[in-house]
Amino acid sequence: CQHCDKQFRQTHHLSVHQRVHTREKPFKCQHCGKCFRQSNQLSVHQRVHTGEKPFICQDCGQRFRMSQHLSNHQRVHTGERAF
């Protein structure tokens, strides 16, 4: 990257990274107009509008939009602390 000297093996990854510097957000939510740098960020965001929660806790059945939210929740069952 000519802006921060990060290196990428694939040209596509460099192109996506450069949006950090250009602030380009080409992926727009059709429901609310919020824009994103990456298509996967838009896909996750759209779950807010659809109500989709594909990640399910096997211990209690609670559902989550993002896998990280499920991972954080599972600490309730394991007793693990965040720090």
C-alpha atoms as a PDB file:
ATOM      1  CA  CYS A   1       0.000   0.000   0.000  1.00  0.00           C
ATOM      2  CA  GLN A   2       1.455   3.345  -1.006  1.00  0.00           C
ATOM      3  CA  HIS A   3      -0.198   5.051   1.974  1.00  0.00           C
ATOM      4  CA  CYS A   4       0.922   2.871   4.888  1.00  0.00           C
ATOM      5  CA  ASP A   5       3.394   0.313   3.475  1.00  0.00           C
ATOM      6  CA  LYS A   6       1.209  -2.707   4.281  1.00  0.00           C
ATOM      7  CA  GLN A   7       1.785  -5.564   1.889  1.00  0.00           C
ATOM      8  CA  PHE A   8      -0.723  -7.970   0.395  1.00  0.00           C
ATOM      9  CA  ARG A   9      -0.295 -11.167  -1.578  1.00  0.00           C
ATOM     10  CA  GLN A  10      -3.407 -10.588  -3.650  1.00  0.00           C
ATOM     11  CA  THR A  11      -4.259  -7.432  -5.567  1.00  0.00           C
ATOM     12  CA  HIS A  12      -7.894  -7.711  -4.478  1.00  0.00           C
ATOM     13  CA  HIS A  13      -6.905  -7.524  -0.800  1.00  0.00           C
ATOM     14  CA  LEU A  14      -4.871  -4.389  -1.511  1.00  0.00           C
ATOM     15  CA  SER A  15      -7.855  -2.834  -3.299  1.00  0.00           C
ATOM     16  CA  VAL A  16     -10.144  -3.546  -0.356  1.00  0.00           C
ATOM     17  CA  HIS A  17      -7.543  -2.209   2.099  1.00  0.00           C
ATOM     18  CA  GLN A  18      -7.084   1.030   0.157  1.00  0.00           C
ATOM     19  CA  ARG A  19     -10.698   1.928   0.886  1.00  0.00           C
ATOM     20  CA  VAL A  20      -9.553   2.637   4.451  1.00  0.00           C
ATOM     21  CA  HIS A  21      -7.465   5.505   3.091  1.00  0.00           C
ATOM     22  CA  THR A  22      -9.898   6.731   0.426  1.00  0.00           C
ATOM     23  CA  ARG A  23     -12.901   6.297   2.731  1.00  0.00           C
ATOM     24  CA  GLU A  24     -14.748   4.726  -0.182  1.00  0.00           C
ATOM     25  CA  LYS A  25     -17.796   2.720   0.887  1.00  0.00           C
ATOM     26  CA  PRO A  26     -19.307   1.268  -2.278  1.00  0.00           C
ATOM     27  CA  PHE A  27     -21.763  -1.162  -0.652  1.00  0.00           C
ATOM     28  CA  LYS A  28     -25.012   0.545   0.341  1.00  0.00           C
ATOM     29  CA  CYS A  29     -27.887  -0.886   2.363  1.00  0.00           C
ATOM     30  CA  GLN A  30     -31.126  -0.585   0.398  1.00  0.00           C
ATOM     31  CA  HIS A  31     -33.139  -0.400   3.629  1.00  0.00           C
ATOM     32  CA  CYS A  32     -31.434   2.455   5.478  1.00  0.00           C
ATOM     33  CA  GLY A  33     -28.714   3.828   3.207  1.00  0.00           C
ATOM     34  CA  LYS A  34     -25.783   2.945   5.459  1.00  0.00           C
ATOM     35  CA  CYS A  35     -22.623   2.275   3.435  1.00  0.00           C
ATOM     36  CA  PHE A  36     -19.811  -0.235   3.912  1.00  0.00           C
ATOM     37  CA  ARG A  37     -16.312  -0.845   2.581  1.00  0.00           C
ATOM     38  CA  GLN A  38     -16.811  -4.583   2.117  1.00  0.00           C
ATOM     39  CA  SER A  39     -19.754  -6.616   0.845  1.00  0.00           C
ATOM     40  CA  ASN A  40     -19.558  -9.003   3.804  1.00  0.00           C
ATOM     41  CA  GLN A  41     -19.999  -6.051   6.185  1.00  0.00           C
ATOM     42  CA  LEU A  42     -23.190  -5.149   4.325  1.00  0.00           C
ATOM     43  CA  SER A  43     -24.401  -8.755   4.513  1.00  0.00           C
ATOM     44  CA  VAL A  44     -23.958  -8.844   8.287  1.00  0.00           C
ATOM     45  CA  HIS A  45     -25.637  -5.434   8.637  1.00  0.00           C
ATOM     46  CA  GLN A  46     -28.669  -6.546   6.630  1.00  0.00           C
ATOM     47  CA  ARG A  47     -29.463  -9.045   9.373  1.00  0.00           C
ATOM     48  CA  VAL A  48     -30.579  -6.051  11.440  1.00  0.00           C
ATOM     49  CA  HIS A  49     -33.382  -5.500   8.943  1.00  0.00           C
ATOM     50  CA  THR A  50     -34.255  -9.139   8.248  1.00  0.00           C
ATOM     51  CA  GLY A  51     -34.046 -10.280  11.865  1.00  0.00           C
ATOM     52  CA  GLU A  52     -31.830 -13.198  10.814  1.00  0.00           C
ATOM     53  CA  LYS A  53     -29.818 -14.657  13.688  1.00  0.00           C
ATOM     54  CA  PRO A  54     -28.001 -17.704  12.294  1.00  0.00           C
ATOM     55  CA  PHE A  55     -25.695 -18.382  15.255  1.00  0.00           C
ATOM     56  CA  ILE A  56     -27.325 -20.463  18.004  1.00  0.00           C
ATOM     57  CA  CYS A  57     -26.049 -21.189  21.494  1.00  0.00           C
ATOM     58  CA  GLN A  58     -26.066 -24.961  21.967  1.00  0.00           C
ATOM     59  CA  ASP A  59     -26.512 -24.540  25.730  1.00  0.00           C
ATOM     60  CA  CYS A  60     -29.565 -22.288  25.896  1.00  0.00           C
ATOM     61  CA  GLY A  61     -30.811 -21.750  22.343  1.00  0.00           C
ATOM     62  CA  GLN A  62     -30.254 -17.995  22.290  1.00  0.00           C
ATOM     63  CA  ARG A  63     -29.614 -16.718  18.761  1.00  0.00           C
ATOM     64  CA  PHE A  64     -27.158 -14.102  17.497  1.00  0.00           C
ATOM     65  CA  ARG A  65     -26.527 -12.148  14.296  1.00  0.00           C
ATOM     66  CA  MET A  66     -22.740 -12.480  14.517  1.00  0.00           C
ATOM     67  CA  SER A  67     -20.519 -15.401  15.499  1.00  0.00           C
ATOM     68  CA  GLN A  68     -18.461 -13.105  17.742  1.00  0.00           C
ATOM     69  CA  HIS A  69     -21.583 -12.228  19.726  1.00  0.00           C
ATOM     70  CA  LEU A  70     -22.230 -15.942  20.240  1.00  0.00           C
ATOM     71  CA  SER A  71     -18.629 -16.459  21.370  1.00  0.00           C
ATOM     72  CA  ASN A  72     -18.959 -13.623  23.870  1.00  0.00           C
ATOM     73  CA  HIS A  73     -22.263 -15.027  25.137  1.00  0.00           C
ATOM     74  CA  GLN A  74     -20.855 -18.523  25.645  1.00  0.00           C
ATOM     75  CA  ARG A  75     -18.700 -17.151  28.453  1.00  0.00           C
ATOM     76  CA  VAL A  76     -21.906 -17.017  30.491  1.00  0.00           C
ATOM     77  CA  HIS A  77     -22.010 -20.799  30.397  1.00  0.00           C
ATOM     78  CA  THR A  78     -18.274 -21.477  30.787  1.00  0.00           C
ATOM     79  CA  GLY A  79     -17.611 -18.884  33.476  1.00  0.00           C
ATOM     80  CA  GLU A  80     -14.708 -17.517  31.410  1.00  0.00           C
ATOM     81  CA  ARG A  81     -13.960 -13.845  31.950  1.00  0.00           C
ATOM     82  CA  ALA A  82     -13.161 -11.421  29.155  1.00  0.00           C
ATOM     83  CA  PHE A  83      -9.895 -10.249  30.762  1.00  0.00           C
END
